[in-house]
Amino acid sequence: MAETPDTAVPQFDAEALKARKRRNLWLGLALAAFVVLVMITTVIRLHTGTGVSERM
Protein backbone atom coordinates (compact mmCIF):
# COMPACT_ATOMS: atom_id res chain seq x y z
CA MET A 1 0.00 0.00 0.00
CA ALA A 2 1.41 3.36 -0.99
CA GLU A 3 1.66 6.14 1.54
CA THR A 4 -0.47 9.17 0.73
CA PRO A 5 0.66 12.74 1.40
CA ASP A 6 -2.23 13.15 3.90
CA THR A 7 -0.54 10.77 6.37
CA ALA A 8 2.84 12.51 6.28
CA VAL A 9 4.26 13.66 9.60
CA PRO A 10 4.27 17.47 9.85
CA GLN A 11 7.65 19.12 10.37
CA PHE A 12 7.83 21.74 13.12
CA ASP A 13 10.35 24.50 13.48
CA ALA A 14 12.60 24.81 16.53
CA GLU A 15 10.33 27.34 18.23
CA ALA A 16 7.27 25.09 17.97
CA LEU A 17 9.20 22.10 19.33
CA LYS A 18 10.50 24.20 22.23
CA ALA A 19 6.95 25.38 23.04
CA ARG A 20 5.65 21.80 22.89
CA LYS A 21 8.40 20.58 25.20
CA ARG A 22 7.71 23.38 27.71
CA ARG A 23 3.94 22.69 27.60
CA ASN A 24 4.48 18.96 28.11
CA LEU A 25 6.80 19.66 31.04
CA TRP A 26 4.17 21.80 32.77
CA LEU A 27 1.46 19.22 32.09
CA GLY A 28 3.67 16.52 33.58
CA LEU A 29 4.38 18.64 36.66
CA ALA A 30 0.67 19.38 37.10
CA LEU A 31 -0.16 15.67 36.84
CA ALA A 32 2.56 14.79 39.37
CA ALA A 33 1.28 17.49 41.76
CA PHE A 34 -2.26 16.08 41.48
CA VAL A 35 -1.04 12.55 42.22
CA VAL A 36 0.88 13.79 45.27
CA LEU A 37 -2.19 15.72 46.47
CA VAL A 38 -4.40 12.64 46.18
CA MET A 39 -1.79 10.50 47.93
CA ILE A 40 -1.42 12.95 50.82
CA THR A 41 -5.19 13.26 51.18
CA THR A 42 -5.56 9.47 51.23
CA VAL A 43 -2.81 9.01 53.81
CA ILE A 44 -4.32 11.68 56.09
CA ARG A 45 -7.82 10.18 55.79
CA LEU A 46 -6.51 6.68 56.55
CA HIS A 47 -4.44 7.94 59.48
CA THR A 48 -7.29 9.89 61.10
CA GLY A 49 -9.97 7.32 60.22
CA THR A 50 -12.14 9.89 58.43
CA GLY A 51 -14.78 8.18 56.36
CA VAL A 52 -13.65 4.64 57.18
CA SER A 53 -16.17 3.71 59.86
CA GLU A 54 -19.17 4.85 57.81
CA ARG A 55 -18.36 2.31 55.08
CA MET A 56 -17.82 -0.72 57.32
PDB file of N, CA and C in Angstrom:
ATOM      1  N   MET A   1       0.847  -1.171   0.000  1.00  0.00           N
ATOM      2  CA  MET A   1       0.000   0.000   0.000  1.00  0.00           C
ATOM      3  C   MET A   1       0.897   1.240   0.000  1.00  0.00           C
ATOM      4  N   ALA A   2       0.610   2.144  -0.872  1.00  0.00           N
ATOM      5  CA  ALA A   2       1.414   3.355  -0.989  1.00  0.00           C
ATOM      6  C   ALA A   2       0.980   4.377   0.052  1.00  0.00           C
ATOM      7  N   GLU A   3       1.954   5.106   0.542  1.00  0.00           N
ATOM      8  CA  GLU A   3       1.657   6.145   1.539  1.00  0.00           C
ATOM      9  C   GLU A   3       1.161   7.388   0.816  1.00  0.00           C
ATOM     10  N   THR A   4       0.075   7.962   1.329  1.00  0.00           N
ATOM     11  CA  THR A   4      -0.467   9.169   0.731  1.00  0.00           C
ATOM     12  C   THR A   4       0.107  10.385   1.433  1.00  0.00           C
ATOM     13  N   PRO A   5       0.126  11.520   0.770  1.00  0.00           N
ATOM     14  CA  PRO A   5       0.656  12.739   1.398  1.00  0.00           C
ATOM     15  C   PRO A   5      -0.134  13.183   2.619  1.00  0.00           C
ATOM     16  N   ASP A   6      -1.399  12.747   2.760  1.00  0.00           N
ATOM     17  CA  ASP A   6      -2.225  13.147   3.901  1.00  0.00           C
ATOM     18  C   ASP A   6      -1.717  12.558   5.208  1.00  0.00           C
ATOM     19  N   THR A   7      -1.013  11.428   5.150  1.00  0.00           N
ATOM     20  CA  THR A   7      -0.542  10.772   6.371  1.00  0.00           C
ATOM     21  C   THR A   7       0.893  11.149   6.714  1.00  0.00           C
ATOM     22  N   ALA A   8       1.465  12.094   6.014  1.00  0.00           N
ATOM     23  CA  ALA A   8       2.839  12.507   6.278  1.00  0.00           C
ATOM     24  C   ALA A   8       2.928  13.212   7.630  1.00  0.00           C
ATOM     25  N   VAL A   9       4.039  13.034   8.303  1.00  0.00           N
ATOM     26  CA  VAL A   9       4.260  13.660   9.602  1.00  0.00           C
ATOM     27  C   VAL A   9       4.648  15.123   9.391  1.00  0.00           C
ATOM     28  N   PRO A  10       3.936  16.046  10.041  1.00  0.00           N
ATOM     29  CA  PRO A  10       4.275  17.468   9.848  1.00  0.00           C
ATOM     30  C   PRO A  10       5.631  17.793  10.482  1.00  0.00           C
ATOM     31  N   GLN A  11       6.354  18.679   9.855  1.00  0.00           N
ATOM     32  CA  GLN A  11       7.648  19.125  10.366  1.00  0.00           C
ATOM     33  C   GLN A  11       7.442  20.450  11.096  1.00  0.00           C
ATOM     34  N   PHE A  12       7.961  20.522  12.317  1.00  0.00           N
ATOM     35  CA  PHE A  12       7.826  21.738  13.117  1.00  0.00           C
ATOM     36  C   PHE A  12       9.166  22.450  13.192  1.00  0.00           C
ATOM     37  N   ASP A  13       9.107  23.760  13.322  1.00  0.00           N
ATOM     38  CA  ASP A  13      10.348  24.504  13.483  1.00  0.00           C
ATOM     39  C   ASP A  13      10.820  24.413  14.935  1.00  0.00           C
ATOM     40  N   ALA A  14      11.991  24.922  15.205  1.00  0.00           N
ATOM     41  CA  ALA A  14      12.600  24.808  16.528  1.00  0.00           C
ATOM     42  C   ALA A  14      11.758  25.497  17.598  1.00  0.00           C
ATOM     43  N   GLU A  15      11.149  26.610  17.254  1.00  0.00           N
ATOM     44  CA  GLU A  15      10.333  27.343  18.230  1.00  0.00           C
ATOM     45  C   GLU A  15       9.092  26.543  18.630  1.00  0.00           C
ATOM     46  N   ALA A  16       8.454  25.895  17.672  1.00  0.00           N
ATOM     47  CA  ALA A  16       7.266  25.094  17.971  1.00  0.00           C
ATOM     48  C   ALA A  16       7.635  23.880  18.816  1.00  0.00           C
ATOM     49  N   LEU A  17       8.763  23.248  18.530  1.00  0.00           N
ATOM     50  CA  LEU A  17       9.201  22.104  19.328  1.00  0.00           C
ATOM     51  C   LEU A  17       9.545  22.521  20.757  1.00  0.00           C
ATOM     52  N   LYS A  18      10.155  23.694  20.901  1.00  0.00           N
ATOM     53  CA  LYS A  18      10.498  24.204  22.234  1.00  0.00           C
ATOM     54  C   LYS A  18       9.224  24.502  23.028  1.00  0.00           C
ATOM     55  N   ALA A  19       8.221  25.083  22.373  1.00  0.00           N
ATOM     56  CA  ALA A  19       6.950  25.380  23.038  1.00  0.00           C
ATOM     57  C   ALA A  19       6.245  24.095  23.435  1.00  0.00           C
ATOM     58  N   ARG A  20       6.282  23.077  22.574  1.00  0.00           N
ATOM     59  CA  ARG A  20       5.648  21.796  22.891  1.00  0.00           C
ATOM     60  C   ARG A  20       6.335  21.139  24.079  1.00  0.00           C
ATOM     61  N   LYS A  21       7.646  21.182  24.101  1.00  0.00           N
ATOM     62  CA  LYS A  21       8.401  20.578  25.199  1.00  0.00           C
ATOM     63  C   LYS A  21       8.086  21.280  26.526  1.00  0.00           C
ATOM     64  N   ARG A  22       8.023  22.605  26.501  1.00  0.00           N
ATOM     65  CA  ARG A  22       7.705  23.380  27.711  1.00  0.00           C
ATOM     66  C   ARG A  22       6.281  23.077  28.186  1.00  0.00           C
ATOM     67  N   ARG A  23       5.338  22.994  27.247  1.00  0.00           N
ATOM     68  CA  ARG A  23       3.944  22.693  27.595  1.00  0.00           C
ATOM     69  C   ARG A  23       3.824  21.284  28.180  1.00  0.00           C
ATOM     70  N   ASN A  24       4.517  20.319  27.590  1.00  0.00           N
ATOM     71  CA  ASN A  24       4.485  18.956  28.110  1.00  0.00           C
ATOM     72  C   ASN A  24       5.120  18.868  29.491  1.00  0.00           C
ATOM     73  N   LEU A  25       6.169  19.642  29.722  1.00  0.00           N
ATOM     74  CA  LEU A  25       6.804  19.661  31.042  1.00  0.00           C
ATOM     75  C   LEU A  25       5.826  20.171  32.097  1.00  0.00           C
ATOM     76  N   TRP A  26       5.134  21.253  31.803  1.00  0.00           N
ATOM     77  CA  TRP A  26       4.169  21.804  32.766  1.00  0.00           C
ATOM     78  C   TRP A  26       2.993  20.862  32.981  1.00  0.00           C
ATOM     79  N   LEU A  27       2.546  20.196  31.927  1.00  0.00           N
ATOM     80  CA  LEU A  27       1.461  19.225  32.091  1.00  0.00           C
ATOM     81  C   LEU A  27       1.905  18.054  32.954  1.00  0.00           C
ATOM     82  N   GLY A  28       3.135  17.599  32.758  1.00  0.00           N
ATOM     83  CA  GLY A  28       3.672  16.522  33.583  1.00  0.00           C
ATOM     84  C   GLY A  28       3.796  16.930  35.038  1.00  0.00           C
ATOM     85  N   LEU A  29       4.263  18.151  35.280  1.00  0.00           N
ATOM     86  CA  LEU A  29       4.377  18.643  36.658  1.00  0.00           C
ATOM     87  C   LEU A  29       3.012  18.787  37.311  1.00  0.00           C
ATOM     88  N   ALA A  30       2.026  19.245  36.560  1.00  0.00           N
ATOM     89  CA  ALA A  30       0.671  19.377  37.098  1.00  0.00           C
ATOM     90  C   ALA A  30       0.094  18.006  37.440  1.00  0.00           C
ATOM     91  N   LEU A  31       0.323  17.026  36.577  1.00  0.00           N
ATOM     92  CA  LEU A  31      -0.156  15.671  36.841  1.00  0.00           C
ATOM     93  C   LEU A  31       0.525  15.083  38.078  1.00  0.00           C
ATOM     94  N   ALA A  32       1.826  15.283  38.196  1.00  0.00           N
ATOM     95  CA  ALA A  32       2.555  14.788  39.367  1.00  0.00           C
ATOM     96  C   ALA A  32       2.058  15.467  40.645  1.00  0.00           C
ATOM     97  N   ALA A  33       1.790  16.771  40.591  1.00  0.00           N
ATOM     98  CA  ALA A  33       1.278  17.488  41.759  1.00  0.00           C
ATOM     99  C   ALA A  33      -0.100  16.945  42.157  1.00  0.00           C
ATOM    100  N   PHE A  34      -0.944  16.632  41.184  1.00  0.00           N
ATOM    101  CA  PHE A  34      -2.257  16.080  41.476  1.00  0.00           C
ATOM    102  C   PHE A  34      -2.133  14.712  42.141  1.00  0.00           C
ATOM    103  N   VAL A  35      -1.237  13.877  41.633  1.00  0.00           N
ATOM    104  CA  VAL A  35      -1.038  12.549  42.220  1.00  0.00           C
ATOM    105  C   VAL A  35      -0.555  12.674  43.656  1.00  0.00           C
ATOM    106  N   VAL A  36       0.378  13.584  43.910  1.00  0.00           N
ATOM    107  CA  VAL A  36       0.878  13.791  45.270  1.00  0.00           C
ATOM    108  C   VAL A  36      -0.244  14.296  46.172  1.00  0.00           C
ATOM    109  N   LEU A  37      -1.070  15.203  45.683  1.00  0.00           N
ATOM    110  CA  LEU A  37      -2.187  15.720  46.472  1.00  0.00           C
ATOM    111  C   LEU A  37      -3.167  14.608  46.843  1.00  0.00           C
ATOM    112  N   VAL A  38      -3.494  13.754  45.896  1.00  0.00           N
ATOM    113  CA  VAL A  38      -4.403  12.643  46.177  1.00  0.00           C
ATOM    114  C   VAL A  38      -3.773  11.679  47.178  1.00  0.00           C
ATOM    115  N   MET A  39      -2.474  11.408  47.018  1.00  0.00           N
ATOM    116  CA  MET A  39      -1.788  10.502  47.930  1.00  0.00           C
ATOM    117  C   MET A  39      -1.770  11.061  49.355  1.00  0.00           C
ATOM    118  N   ILE A  40      -1.452  12.333  49.495  1.00  0.00           N
ATOM    119  CA  ILE A  40      -1.417  12.953  50.823  1.00  0.00           C
ATOM    120  C   ILE A  40      -2.805  12.935  51.455  1.00  0.00           C
ATOM    121  N   THR A  41      -3.826  13.277  50.670  1.00  0.00           N
ATOM    122  CA  THR A  41      -5.192  13.259  51.182  1.00  0.00           C
ATOM    123  C   THR A  41      -5.586  11.862  51.647  1.00  0.00           C
ATOM    124  N   THR A  42      -5.227  10.849  50.875  1.00  0.00           N
ATOM    125  CA  THR A  42      -5.560   9.471  51.234  1.00  0.00           C
ATOM    126  C   THR A  42      -4.847   9.056  52.511  1.00  0.00           C
ATOM    127  N   VAL A  43      -3.570   9.372  52.623  1.00  0.00           N
ATOM    128  CA  VAL A  43      -2.813   9.006  53.814  1.00  0.00           C
ATOM    129  C   VAL A  43      -3.391   9.685  55.044  1.00  0.00           C
ATOM    130  N   ILE A  44      -3.748  10.956  54.944  1.00  0.00           N
ATOM    131  CA  ILE A  44      -4.324  11.680  56.087  1.00  0.00           C
ATOM    132  C   ILE A  44      -5.670  11.077  56.474  1.00  0.00           C
ATOM    133  N   ARG A  45      -6.504  10.764  55.480  1.00  0.00           N
ATOM    134  CA  ARG A  45      -7.816  10.177  55.792  1.00  0.00           C
ATOM    135  C   ARG A  45      -7.676   8.808  56.424  1.00  0.00           C
ATOM    136  N   LEU A  46      -6.720   7.995  55.954  1.00  0.00           N
ATOM    137  CA  LEU A  46      -6.513   6.680  56.548  1.00  0.00           C
ATOM    138  C   LEU A  46      -5.951   6.797  57.957  1.00  0.00           C
ATOM    139  N   HIS A  47      -5.079   7.768  58.173  1.00  0.00           N
ATOM    140  CA  HIS A  47      -4.443   7.935  59.479  1.00  0.00           C
ATOM    141  C   HIS A  47      -5.461   8.395  60.512  1.00  0.00           C
ATOM    142  N   THR A  48      -6.322   9.345  60.136  1.00  0.00           N
ATOM    143  CA  THR A  48      -7.291   9.886  61.096  1.00  0.00           C
ATOM    144  C   THR A  48      -8.563   9.053  61.165  1.00  0.00           C
ATOM    145  N   GLY A  49      -8.772   8.158  60.212  1.00  0.00           N
ATOM    146  CA  GLY A  49      -9.967   7.321  60.218  1.00  0.00           C
ATOM    147  C   GLY A  49     -11.184   8.029  59.657  1.00  0.00           C
ATOM    148  N   THR A  50     -11.016   9.141  59.003  1.00  0.00           N
ATOM    149  CA  THR A  50     -12.136   9.887  58.433  1.00  0.00           C
ATOM    150  C   THR A  50     -12.770   9.104  57.311  1.00  0.00           C
ATOM    151  N   GLY A  51     -14.049   8.837  57.421  1.00  0.00           N
ATOM    152  CA  GLY A  51     -14.779   8.178  56.359  1.00  0.00           C
ATOM    153  C   GLY A  51     -14.653   6.665  56.338  1.00  0.00           C
ATOM    154  N   VAL A  52     -13.842   6.088  57.202  1.00  0.00           N
ATOM    155  CA  VAL A  52     -13.646   4.641  57.176  1.00  0.00           C
ATOM    156  C   VAL A  52     -14.776   3.927  57.901  1.00  0.00           C
ATOM    157  N   SER A  53     -15.160   4.404  59.065  1.00  0.00           N
ATOM    158  CA  SER A  53     -16.172   3.707  59.865  1.00  0.00           C
ATOM    159  C   SER A  53     -17.552   3.747  59.230  1.00  0.00           C
ATOM    160  N   GLU A  54     -17.851   4.764  58.436  1.00  0.00           N
ATOM    161  CA  GLU A  54     -19.171   4.846  57.808  1.00  0.00           C
ATOM    162  C   GLU A  54     -19.344   3.781  56.742  1.00  0.00           C
ATOM    163  N   ARG A  55     -18.275   3.290  56.167  1.00  0.00           N
ATOM    164  CA  ARG A  55     -18.364   2.308  55.079  1.00  0.00           C
ATOM    165  C   ARG A  55     -18.303   0.876  55.584  1.00  0.00           C
ATOM    166  N   MET A  56     -17.979   0.659  56.822  1.00  0.00           N
ATOM    167  CA  MET A  56     -17.821  -0.718  57.317  1.00  0.00           C
ATOM    168  C   MET A  56     -19.009  -1.120  58.173  1.00  0.00           C
TER     169      MET A  56
END
